[in-house]
Amino acid sequence: MVVQLRLPARLVRELDRLTEEGYYGSRTEAVADAIRHLLERYR
């Protein structure tokens, strides 16, 4: 499934930094992980 979203440039730069440093393979992977953590927090 494809979901589009808008993020402030600052957050995109942080996502790019995390992928460049090898924490995630892509922005998509980083965002999916962040959403998983958020959902777990509210379970």
N, C-alpha and C. Protein backbone atom coordinates (compact mmCIF):
# COMPACT_ATOMS: atom_id res chain seq x y z
N MET A 1 0.85 -1.17 0.00
CA MET A 1 0.00 0.00 0.00
C MET A 1 0.89 1.24 0.00
N VAL A 2 0.48 2.25 -0.72
CA VAL A 2 1.23 3.49 -0.80
C VAL A 2 0.49 4.56 -0.01
N VAL A 3 1.22 5.26 0.86
CA VAL A 3 0.67 6.37 1.63
C VAL A 3 1.58 7.57 1.41
N GLN A 4 1.00 8.67 1.01
CA GLN A 4 1.79 9.89 0.80
C GLN A 4 1.65 10.78 2.03
N LEU A 5 2.74 11.47 2.37
CA LEU A 5 2.68 12.41 3.47
C LEU A 5 3.65 13.55 3.24
N ARG A 6 3.39 14.64 3.91
CA ARG A 6 4.27 15.80 3.84
C ARG A 6 4.99 15.93 5.17
N LEU A 7 6.28 16.18 5.09
CA LEU A 7 7.08 16.36 6.29
C LEU A 7 7.88 17.64 6.17
N PRO A 8 8.15 18.30 7.28
CA PRO A 8 9.03 19.46 7.24
C PRO A 8 10.42 19.05 6.75
N ALA A 9 11.07 19.96 6.07
CA ALA A 9 12.40 19.67 5.52
C ALA A 9 13.37 19.17 6.59
N ARG A 10 13.25 19.70 7.79
CA ARG A 10 14.15 19.29 8.88
C ARG A 10 14.02 17.79 9.17
N LEU A 11 12.78 17.28 9.17
CA LEU A 11 12.58 15.85 9.43
C LEU A 11 13.11 15.00 8.28
N VAL A 12 12.94 15.47 7.06
CA VAL A 12 13.46 14.72 5.90
C VAL A 12 14.99 14.67 5.98
N ARG A 13 15.61 15.77 6.36
CA ARG A 13 17.08 15.76 6.51
C ARG A 13 17.52 14.76 7.57
N GLU A 14 16.76 14.67 8.66
CA GLU A 14 17.10 13.71 9.71
C GLU A 14 16.92 12.27 9.22
N LEU A 15 15.85 12.03 8.46
CA LEU A 15 15.65 10.69 7.87
C LEU A 15 16.81 10.35 6.94
N ASP A 16 17.20 11.32 6.13
CA ASP A 16 18.32 11.09 5.21
C ASP A 16 19.61 10.80 5.97
N ARG A 17 19.83 11.50 7.06
CA ARG A 17 21.02 11.26 7.87
C ARG A 17 21.02 9.84 8.42
N LEU A 18 19.87 9.39 8.91
CA LEU A 18 19.77 8.03 9.45
C LEU A 18 20.04 6.98 8.37
N THR A 19 19.56 7.23 7.16
CA THR A 19 19.81 6.26 6.08
C THR A 19 21.27 6.32 5.63
N GLU A 20 21.83 7.52 5.54
CA GLU A 20 23.23 7.66 5.13
C GLU A 20 24.17 7.00 6.13
N GLU A 21 23.81 7.06 7.42
CA GLU A 21 24.66 6.47 8.45
C GLU A 21 24.41 4.96 8.60
N GLY A 22 23.49 4.43 7.80
CA GLY A 22 23.28 2.99 7.77
C GLY A 22 22.29 2.44 8.79
N TYR A 23 21.60 3.32 9.51
CA TYR A 23 20.60 2.85 10.47
C TYR A 23 19.40 2.24 9.76
N TYR A 24 19.07 2.77 8.59
CA TYR A 24 17.95 2.28 7.79
C TYR A 24 18.38 2.21 6.34
N GLY A 25 17.72 1.33 5.59
CA GLY A 25 18.04 1.18 4.18
C GLY A 25 17.39 2.23 3.30
N SER A 26 16.34 2.87 3.83
CA SER A 26 15.62 3.87 3.04
C SER A 26 14.78 4.74 3.97
N ARG A 27 14.29 5.84 3.43
CA ARG A 27 13.35 6.68 4.18
C ARG A 27 12.11 5.89 4.55
N THR A 28 11.64 5.08 3.60
CA THR A 28 10.43 4.28 3.83
C THR A 28 10.61 3.37 5.03
N GLU A 29 11.75 2.71 5.11
CA GLU A 29 12.03 1.82 6.23
C GLU A 29 12.06 2.59 7.55
N ALA A 30 12.66 3.77 7.55
CA ALA A 30 12.74 4.59 8.76
C ALA A 30 11.36 5.05 9.21
N VAL A 31 10.54 5.50 8.27
CA VAL A 31 9.19 5.97 8.61
C VAL A 31 8.34 4.81 9.10
N ALA A 32 8.43 3.66 8.46
CA ALA A 32 7.65 2.49 8.89
C ALA A 32 8.05 2.08 10.31
N ASP A 33 9.33 2.13 10.62
CA ASP A 33 9.79 1.78 11.96
C ASP A 33 9.26 2.79 12.99
N ALA A 34 9.28 4.05 12.64
CA ALA A 34 8.76 5.09 13.55
C ALA A 34 7.27 4.88 13.82
N ILE A 35 6.52 4.54 12.79
CA ILE A 35 5.08 4.30 12.95
C ILE A 35 4.85 3.06 13.82
N ARG A 36 5.63 2.01 13.60
CA ARG A 36 5.50 0.80 14.43
C ARG A 36 5.74 1.13 15.90
N HIS A 37 6.78 1.91 16.18
CA HIS A 37 7.07 2.29 17.56
C HIS A 37 5.93 3.12 18.16
N LEU A 38 5.38 4.02 17.38
CA LEU A 38 4.26 4.84 17.86
C LEU A 38 3.05 3.98 18.18
N LEU A 39 2.72 3.05 17.30
CA LEU A 39 1.57 2.17 17.52
C LEU A 39 1.77 1.28 18.75
N GLU A 40 2.99 0.77 18.93
CA GLU A 40 3.28 -0.05 20.11
C GLU A 40 3.11 0.75 21.39
N ARG A 41 3.48 2.00 21.35
CA ARG A 41 3.38 2.87 22.53
C ARG A 41 1.94 3.02 23.00
N TYR A 42 1.00 3.02 22.07
CA TYR A 42 -0.40 3.25 22.42
C TYR A 42 -1.22 1.96 22.51
N ARG A 43 -0.58 0.82 22.49
CA ARG A 43 -1.30 -0.46 22.65
C ARG A 43 -1.49 -0.77 24.11
